[in-house]
């Protein structure tokens, strides 16, 4: 069986044309399925940039207490250029490097970015999920594609995001009277389970705890670059 690094090399493009082809390949491998239940370990994935380098950070937390179990990071030189809707090819190399350092795998990952709520159905959360074979949910701070009605200002309210007449995610109010977040299935999750998982991962902040700590850790580590 190929290692994760070898698998990643199979899905890394040299140019935009190859990137489009790889997105189509990954899209054909996406599986959406219910993942309801209690997760013992929940991971958060985020990235940070400094000069010409990308920092990929992973924070693993206990599913009930949200105490930090493990933190790892990876740093690489920027390779693939910034192209809208192809962000995964720029950030995933650093995330894979961090993933390779984990001592124990989580049951699910929350990823800073989109899942199937993407023009090709392959946001960074989907991309990572297919590569590593672990359930993922995309949690983004802003809209990428689709149409929606803004939910009311009360915490827990949500509305579907519609793309090509299909629901691909939700606009979700994670706190009263704050900007909503945009959540979508990545891989091995589905529309029926993602809201409940994200809700359980929230405390008093707009962003779920595993992601919030992954962001903090990424910002700390980029100071070391």
C-alpha atoms as a PDB file:
ATOM      1  CA  UNK A   1       0.000   0.000   0.000  1.00  0.00           C
ATOM      2  CA  UNK A   2       1.294   3.468  -0.867  1.00  0.00           C
ATOM      3  CA  UNK A   3       2.330   5.791   1.940  1.00  0.00           C
ATOM      4  CA  UNK A   4       0.406   9.010   2.436  1.00  0.00           C
ATOM      5  CA  UNK A   5       3.297  11.012   0.995  1.00  0.00           C
ATOM      6  CA  UNK A   6       3.365   8.807  -2.111  1.00  0.00           C
ATOM      7  CA  UNK A   7      -0.395   9.105  -2.491  1.00  0.00           C
ATOM      8  CA  UNK A   8      -0.115  12.846  -2.225  1.00  0.00           C
ATOM      9  CA  UNK A   9       2.503  12.964  -4.983  1.00  0.00           C
ATOM     10  CA  UNK A  10      -0.003  11.224  -7.245  1.00  0.00           C
ATOM     11  CA  UNK A  11      -2.428  14.073  -6.636  1.00  0.00           C
ATOM     12  CA  UNK A  12      -0.067  17.028  -6.936  1.00  0.00           C
ATOM     13  CA  UNK A  13      -0.139  19.031 -10.195  1.00  0.00           C
ATOM     14  CA  UNK A  14       2.541  20.807 -12.160  1.00  0.00           C
ATOM     15  CA  UNK A  15       0.086  23.284 -13.686  1.00  0.00           C
ATOM     16  CA  UNK A  16      -3.561  24.380 -13.721  1.00  0.00           C
ATOM     17  CA  UNK A  17      -4.529  21.847 -16.385  1.00  0.00           C
ATOM     18  CA  UNK A  18      -3.259  19.000 -14.214  1.00  0.00           C
ATOM     19  CA  UNK A  19      -4.934  20.575 -11.170  1.00  0.00           C
ATOM     20  CA  UNK A  20      -8.306  20.478 -12.954  1.00  0.00           C
ATOM     21  CA  UNK A  21      -7.785  16.839 -13.866  1.00  0.00           C
ATOM     22  CA  UNK A  22      -6.807  15.933 -10.304  1.00  0.00           C
ATOM     23  CA  UNK A  23      -9.866  17.711  -8.901  1.00  0.00           C
ATOM     24  CA  UNK A  24     -12.018  15.557 -11.187  1.00  0.00           C
ATOM     25  CA  UNK A  25     -10.223  12.420  -9.968  1.00  0.00           C
ATOM     26  CA  UNK A  26     -10.702  13.356  -6.322  1.00  0.00           C
ATOM     27  CA  UNK A  27     -14.350  14.246  -6.947  1.00  0.00           C
ATOM     28  CA  UNK A  28     -14.965  10.708  -8.224  1.00  0.00           C
ATOM     29  CA  UNK A  29     -13.584   9.304  -4.944  1.00  0.00           C
ATOM     30  CA  UNK A  30     -15.684  11.378  -2.550  1.00  0.00           C
ATOM     31  CA  UNK A  31     -18.040   9.414  -0.308  1.00  0.00           C
ATOM     32  CA  UNK A  32     -20.783  11.144   1.637  1.00  0.00           C
ATOM     33  CA  UNK A  33     -22.181   9.153   4.556  1.00  0.00           C
ATOM     34  CA  UNK A  34     -23.720   9.751   7.948  1.00  0.00           C
ATOM     35  CA  UNK A  35     -21.255  10.028  10.813  1.00  0.00           C
ATOM     36  CA  UNK A  36     -23.507  10.650  13.798  1.00  0.00           C
ATOM     37  CA  UNK A  37     -22.164   9.649  17.170  1.00  0.00           C
ATOM     38  CA  UNK A  38     -19.670  10.679  19.794  1.00  0.00           C
ATOM     39  CA  UNK A  39     -16.122  11.164  18.583  1.00  0.00           C
ATOM     40  CA  UNK A  40     -13.331  10.468  21.033  1.00  0.00           C
ATOM     41  CA  UNK A  41     -10.814  12.680  19.238  1.00  0.00           C
ATOM     42  CA  UNK A  42     -11.597  15.639  16.985  1.00  0.00           C
ATOM     43  CA  UNK A  43      -8.923  17.387  14.939  1.00  0.00           C
ATOM     44  CA  UNK A  44      -8.700  20.920  13.629  1.00  0.00           C
ATOM     45  CA  UNK A  45      -6.637  21.876  10.577  1.00  0.00           C
ATOM     46  CA  UNK A  46      -5.559  25.396   9.636  1.00  0.00           C
ATOM     47  CA  UNK A  47      -2.684  27.124   7.846  1.00  0.00           C
ATOM     48  CA  UNK A  48      -0.694  30.335   8.119  1.00  0.00           C
ATOM     49  CA  UNK A  49       1.678  32.111   5.763  1.00  0.00           C
ATOM     50  CA  UNK A  50       4.948  33.938   6.272  1.00  0.00           C
ATOM     51  CA  UNK A  51       6.996  35.278   3.398  1.00  0.00           C
ATOM     52  CA  UNK A  52       7.411  32.370   0.970  1.00  0.00           C
ATOM     53  CA  UNK A  53       6.457  29.603   3.375  1.00  0.00           C
ATOM     54  CA  UNK A  54       3.261  27.817   4.420  1.00  0.00           C
ATOM     55  CA  UNK A  55       2.658  26.493   7.933  1.00  0.00           C
ATOM     56  CA  UNK A  56       0.177  23.639   8.294  1.00  0.00           C
ATOM     57  CA  UNK A  57      -1.111  23.125  11.840  1.00  0.00           C
ATOM     58  CA  UNK A  58      -3.156  20.309  13.354  1.00  0.00           C
ATOM     59  CA  UNK A  59      -4.671  20.365  16.832  1.00  0.00           C
ATOM     60  CA  UNK A  60      -6.240  17.194  18.273  1.00  0.00           C
ATOM     61  CA  UNK A  61      -8.739  17.552  21.133  1.00  0.00           C
ATOM     62  CA  UNK A  62     -10.818  15.260  23.336  1.00  0.00           C
ATOM     63  CA  UNK A  63     -14.331  15.074  21.958  1.00  0.00           C
ATOM     64  CA  UNK A  64     -16.049  15.749  25.268  1.00  0.00           C
ATOM     65  CA  UNK A  65     -13.788  18.055  27.252  1.00  0.00           C
ATOM     66  CA  UNK A  66     -12.019  19.696  24.295  1.00  0.00           C
ATOM     67  CA  UNK A  67      -8.742  19.445  26.114  1.00  0.00           C
ATOM     68  CA  UNK A  68      -5.751  19.509  23.776  1.00  0.00           C
ATOM     69  CA  UNK A  69      -4.256  16.043  23.249  1.00  0.00           C
ATOM     70  CA  UNK A  70      -1.658  16.777  20.585  1.00  0.00           C
ATOM     71  CA  UNK A  71      -0.404  19.597  18.362  1.00  0.00           C
ATOM     72  CA  UNK A  72       1.788  19.160  15.277  1.00  0.00           C
ATOM     73  CA  UNK A  73       2.849  21.368  12.402  1.00  0.00           C
ATOM     74  CA  UNK A  74       4.611  21.211   9.056  1.00  0.00           C
ATOM     75  CA  UNK A  75       6.377  23.944   7.088  1.00  0.00           C
ATOM     76  CA  UNK A  76       7.063  24.047   3.356  1.00  0.00           C
ATOM     77  CA  UNK A  77       8.081  26.584   0.736  1.00  0.00           C
ATOM     78  CA  UNK A  78       5.168  27.811  -1.324  1.00  0.00           C
ATOM     79  CA  UNK A  79       4.908  25.712  -4.429  1.00  0.00           C
ATOM     80  CA  UNK A  80       1.634  25.920  -6.309  1.00  0.00           C
ATOM     81  CA  UNK A  81       0.578  29.528  -6.991  1.00  0.00           C
ATOM     82  CA  UNK A  82      -2.500  31.113  -5.455  1.00  0.00           C
ATOM     83  CA  UNK A  83      -5.423  30.439  -7.781  1.00  0.00           C
ATOM     84  CA  UNK A  84      -9.023  30.791  -6.524  1.00  0.00           C
ATOM     85  CA  UNK A  85     -10.743  27.383  -6.010  1.00  0.00           C
ATOM     86  CA  UNK A  86      -7.358  25.606  -6.185  1.00  0.00           C
ATOM     87  CA  UNK A  87      -6.191  26.557  -2.689  1.00  0.00           C
ATOM     88  CA  UNK A  88      -5.758  22.934  -1.602  1.00  0.00           C
ATOM     89  CA  UNK A  89      -2.769  22.466  -3.900  1.00  0.00           C
ATOM     90  CA  UNK A  90      -1.041  25.371  -2.167  1.00  0.00           C
ATOM     91  CA  UNK A  91      -1.767  24.379   1.440  1.00  0.00           C
ATOM     92  CA  UNK A  92      -2.114  20.593   1.549  1.00  0.00           C
ATOM     93  CA  UNK A  93       1.661  19.873   1.286  1.00  0.00           C
ATOM     94  CA  UNK A  94       2.281  21.580   4.641  1.00  0.00           C
ATOM     95  CA  UNK A  95      -0.752  19.849   6.161  1.00  0.00           C
ATOM     96  CA  UNK A  96       0.455  16.440   4.966  1.00  0.00           C
ATOM     97  CA  UNK A  97       3.835  17.121   6.530  1.00  0.00           C
ATOM     98  CA  UNK A  98       2.111  17.916   9.837  1.00  0.00           C
ATOM     99  CA  UNK A  99      -0.185  14.892   9.543  1.00  0.00           C
ATOM    100  CA  UNK A 100       2.832  12.638   9.156  1.00  0.00           C
ATOM    101  CA  UNK A 101       3.960  13.658  12.662  1.00  0.00           C
ATOM    102  CA  UNK A 102       0.753  12.670  14.461  1.00  0.00           C
ATOM    103  CA  UNK A 103       1.072   9.961  17.095  1.00  0.00           C
ATOM    104  CA  UNK A 104      -2.641   9.142  17.074  1.00  0.00           C
ATOM    105  CA  UNK A 105      -5.261   9.804  14.409  1.00  0.00           C
ATOM    106  CA  UNK A 106      -8.493  11.598  15.294  1.00  0.00           C
ATOM    107  CA  UNK A 107     -11.927  10.256  14.446  1.00  0.00           C
ATOM    108  CA  UNK A 108     -12.808  13.339  12.391  1.00  0.00           C
ATOM    109  CA  UNK A 109     -11.223  16.570  11.172  1.00  0.00           C
ATOM    110  CA  UNK A 110     -12.693  20.064  10.999  1.00  0.00           C
ATOM    111  CA  UNK A 111     -10.835  21.914   8.242  1.00  0.00           C
ATOM    112  CA  UNK A 112     -10.545  25.659   7.759  1.00  0.00           C
ATOM    113  CA  UNK A 113     -12.110  25.923   4.299  1.00  0.00           C
ATOM    114  CA  UNK A 114     -14.851  24.366   2.224  1.00  0.00           C
ATOM    115  CA  UNK A 115     -15.815  20.779   1.501  1.00  0.00           C
ATOM    116  CA  UNK A 116     -18.200  19.948  -1.346  1.00  0.00           C
ATOM    117  CA  UNK A 117     -19.378  23.564  -1.336  1.00  0.00           C
ATOM    118  CA  UNK A 118     -16.968  24.257  -4.193  1.00  0.00           C
ATOM    119  CA  UNK A 119     -17.341  24.704  -7.980  1.00  0.00           C
ATOM    120  CA  UNK A 120     -15.994  21.182  -8.580  1.00  0.00           C
ATOM    121  CA  UNK A 121     -17.170  19.728  -5.249  1.00  0.00           C
ATOM    122  CA  UNK A 122     -13.558  19.477  -4.066  1.00  0.00           C
ATOM    123  CA  UNK A 123     -12.712  22.122  -1.481  1.00  0.00           C
ATOM    124  CA  UNK A 124      -9.697  21.672   0.775  1.00  0.00           C
ATOM    125  CA  UNK A 125     -11.691  19.676   3.361  1.00  0.00           C
ATOM    126  CA  UNK A 126     -12.765  17.202   0.670  1.00  0.00           C
ATOM    127  CA  UNK A 127      -9.263  17.079  -0.802  1.00  0.00           C
ATOM    128  CA  UNK A 128      -7.729  16.238   2.595  1.00  0.00           C
ATOM    129  CA  UNK A 129     -10.455  13.743   3.479  1.00  0.00           C
ATOM    130  CA  UNK A 130      -9.966  11.710   0.306  1.00  0.00           C
ATOM    131  CA  UNK A 131      -6.163  11.746   0.680  1.00  0.00           C
ATOM    132  CA  UNK A 132      -6.074  10.591   4.295  1.00  0.00           C
ATOM    133  CA  UNK A 133      -9.273   8.527   4.419  1.00  0.00           C
ATOM    134  CA  UNK A 134     -10.684  10.189   7.544  1.00  0.00           C
ATOM    135  CA  UNK A 135     -14.068  11.985   7.871  1.00  0.00           C
ATOM    136  CA  UNK A 136     -13.775  15.735   7.286  1.00  0.00           C
ATOM    137  CA  UNK A 137     -16.022  18.785   7.525  1.00  0.00           C
ATOM    138  CA  UNK A 138     -15.281  22.112   5.893  1.00  0.00           C
ATOM    139  CA  UNK A 139     -15.777  25.133   8.152  1.00  0.00           C
ATOM    140  CA  UNK A 140     -15.207  28.417   6.340  1.00  0.00           C
ATOM    141  CA  UNK A 141     -15.524  32.032   7.408  1.00  0.00           C
ATOM    142  CA  UNK A 142     -16.856  33.299   4.093  1.00  0.00           C
ATOM    143  CA  UNK A 143     -18.913  32.215   1.088  1.00  0.00           C
ATOM    144  CA  UNK A 144     -17.240  30.596  -1.900  1.00  0.00           C
ATOM    145  CA  UNK A 145     -20.137  29.544  -4.138  1.00  0.00           C
ATOM    146  CA  UNK A 146     -23.875  28.997  -3.997  1.00  0.00           C
ATOM    147  CA  UNK A 147     -26.950  30.963  -3.036  1.00  0.00           C
ATOM    148  CA  UNK A 148     -28.555  31.171   0.375  1.00  0.00           C
ATOM    149  CA  UNK A 149     -30.886  33.115   2.621  1.00  0.00           C
ATOM    150  CA  UNK A 150     -29.142  34.619   5.622  1.00  0.00           C
ATOM    151  CA  UNK A 151     -30.249  32.835   8.835  1.00  0.00           C
ATOM    152  CA  UNK A 152     -31.646  34.775  11.757  1.00  0.00           C
ATOM    153  CA  UNK A 153     -29.205  36.227  14.292  1.00  0.00           C
ATOM    154  CA  UNK A 154     -29.862  33.575  16.942  1.00  0.00           C
ATOM    155  CA  UNK A 155     -27.193  30.949  17.656  1.00  0.00           C
ATOM    156  CA  UNK A 156     -27.951  27.559  16.078  1.00  0.00           C
ATOM    157  CA  UNK A 157     -29.989  28.897  13.175  1.00  0.00           C
ATOM    158  CA  UNK A 158     -28.979  27.868   9.677  1.00  0.00           C
ATOM    159  CA  UNK A 159     -30.019  27.939   6.026  1.00  0.00           C
ATOM    160  CA  UNK A 160     -29.012  25.706   3.102  1.00  0.00           C
ATOM    161  CA  UNK A 161     -26.448  26.716   0.505  1.00  0.00           C
ATOM    162  CA  UNK A 162     -27.772  25.878  -2.957  1.00  0.00           C
ATOM    163  CA  UNK A 163     -25.538  25.205  -5.962  1.00  0.00           C
ATOM    164  CA  UNK A 164     -26.974  23.926  -9.261  1.00  0.00           C
ATOM    165  CA  UNK A 165     -30.270  23.166  -7.455  1.00  0.00           C
ATOM    166  CA  UNK A 166     -28.524  20.968  -4.873  1.00  0.00           C
ATOM    167  CA  UNK A 167     -27.841  21.618  -1.193  1.00  0.00           C
ATOM    168  CA  UNK A 168     -24.064  21.579  -0.707  1.00  0.00           C
ATOM    169  CA  UNK A 169     -23.784  22.974   2.819  1.00  0.00           C
ATOM    170  CA  UNK A 170     -25.220  25.393   5.341  1.00  0.00           C
ATOM    171  CA  UNK A 171     -24.825  28.966   6.464  1.00  0.00           C
ATOM    172  CA  UNK A 172     -24.730  28.464  10.221  1.00  0.00           C
ATOM    173  CA  UNK A 173     -25.029  31.017  13.035  1.00  0.00           C
ATOM    174  CA  UNK A 174     -22.516  29.855  15.644  1.00  0.00           C
ATOM    175  CA  UNK A 175     -23.113  32.781  18.030  1.00  0.00           C
ATOM    176  CA  UNK A 176     -25.880  35.296  18.549  1.00  0.00           C
ATOM    177  CA  UNK A 177     -25.490  38.418  16.443  1.00  0.00           C
ATOM    178  CA  UNK A 178     -22.147  37.511  14.831  1.00  0.00           C
ATOM    179  CA  UNK A 179     -21.267  36.662  11.245  1.00  0.00           C
ATOM    180  CA  UNK A 180     -22.241  33.100  10.321  1.00  0.00           C
ATOM    181  CA  UNK A 181     -19.854  30.334   9.300  1.00  0.00           C
ATOM    182  CA  UNK A 182     -20.165  28.183   6.184  1.00  0.00           C
ATOM    183  CA  UNK A 183     -20.093  24.445   6.755  1.00  0.00           C
ATOM    184  CA  UNK A 184     -20.161  21.584   4.255  1.00  0.00           C
ATOM    185  CA  UNK A 185     -19.352  17.864   4.143  1.00  0.00           C
ATOM    186  CA  UNK A 186     -15.800  17.062   3.127  1.00  0.00           C
ATOM    187  CA  UNK A 187     -15.468  13.275   2.911  1.00  0.00           C
ATOM    188  CA  UNK A 188     -17.141  10.412   4.825  1.00  0.00           C
ATOM    189  CA  UNK A 189     -19.630  12.896   6.301  1.00  0.00           C
ATOM    190  CA  UNK A 190     -22.927  14.220   4.987  1.00  0.00           C
ATOM    191  CA  UNK A 191     -25.458  17.023   5.278  1.00  0.00           C
ATOM    192  CA  UNK A 192     -27.372  15.170   8.012  1.00  0.00           C
ATOM    193  CA  UNK A 193     -24.530  15.025  10.510  1.00  0.00           C
ATOM    194  CA  UNK A 194     -22.302  18.081  10.058  1.00  0.00           C
ATOM    195  CA  UNK A 195     -24.438  20.609  11.941  1.00  0.00           C
ATOM    196  CA  UNK A 196     -24.600  18.472  15.073  1.00  0.00           C
ATOM    197  CA  UNK A 197     -20.851  17.874  15.076  1.00  0.00           C
ATOM    198  CA  UNK A 198     -20.045  21.547  14.600  1.00  0.00           C
ATOM    199  CA  UNK A 199     -22.531  22.551  17.311  1.00  0.00           C
ATOM    200  CA  UNK A 200     -20.908  20.203  19.830  1.00  0.00           C
ATOM    201  CA  UNK A 201     -17.495  21.654  18.970  1.00  0.00           C
ATOM    202  CA  UNK A 202     -18.511  25.213  19.840  1.00  0.00           C
ATOM    203  CA  UNK A 203     -17.944  26.986  23.125  1.00  0.00           C
ATOM    204  CA  UNK A 204     -18.168  30.760  23.430  1.00  0.00           C
ATOM    205  CA  UNK A 205     -16.487  31.650  20.150  1.00  0.00           C
ATOM    206  CA  UNK A 206     -17.616  31.870  16.534  1.00  0.00           C
ATOM    207  CA  UNK A 207     -15.179  29.149  15.432  1.00  0.00           C
ATOM    208  CA  UNK A 208     -15.303  25.524  16.722  1.00  0.00           C
ATOM    209  CA  UNK A 209     -12.652  24.818  19.358  1.00  0.00           C
ATOM    210  CA  UNK A 210     -10.413  22.415  17.369  1.00  0.00           C
ATOM    211  CA  UNK A 211     -10.197  24.916  14.530  1.00  0.00           C
ATOM    212  CA  UNK A 212      -9.725  27.874  16.816  1.00  0.00           C
ATOM    213  CA  UNK A 213      -6.753  26.234  18.509  1.00  0.00           C
ATOM    214  CA  UNK A 214      -5.303  25.048  15.200  1.00  0.00           C
ATOM    215  CA  UNK A 215      -5.419  28.661  14.022  1.00  0.00           C
ATOM    216  CA  UNK A 216      -3.709  29.907  17.172  1.00  0.00           C
ATOM    217  CA  UNK A 217      -1.036  27.224  16.853  1.00  0.00           C
ATOM    218  CA  UNK A 218      -0.418  28.014  13.167  1.00  0.00           C
ATOM    219  CA  UNK A 219       0.049  31.687  14.006  1.00  0.00           C
ATOM    220  CA  UNK A 220       2.473  30.788  16.809  1.00  0.00           C
ATOM    221  CA  UNK A 221       4.517  28.486  14.612  1.00  0.00           C
ATOM    222  CA  UNK A 222       4.853  30.956  11.754  1.00  0.00           C
ATOM    223  CA  UNK A 223       6.830  33.164  14.135  1.00  0.00           C
ATOM    224  CA  UNK A 224       9.434  30.410  14.191  1.00  0.00           C
ATOM    225  CA  UNK A 225       9.825  30.427  10.400  1.00  0.00           C
END
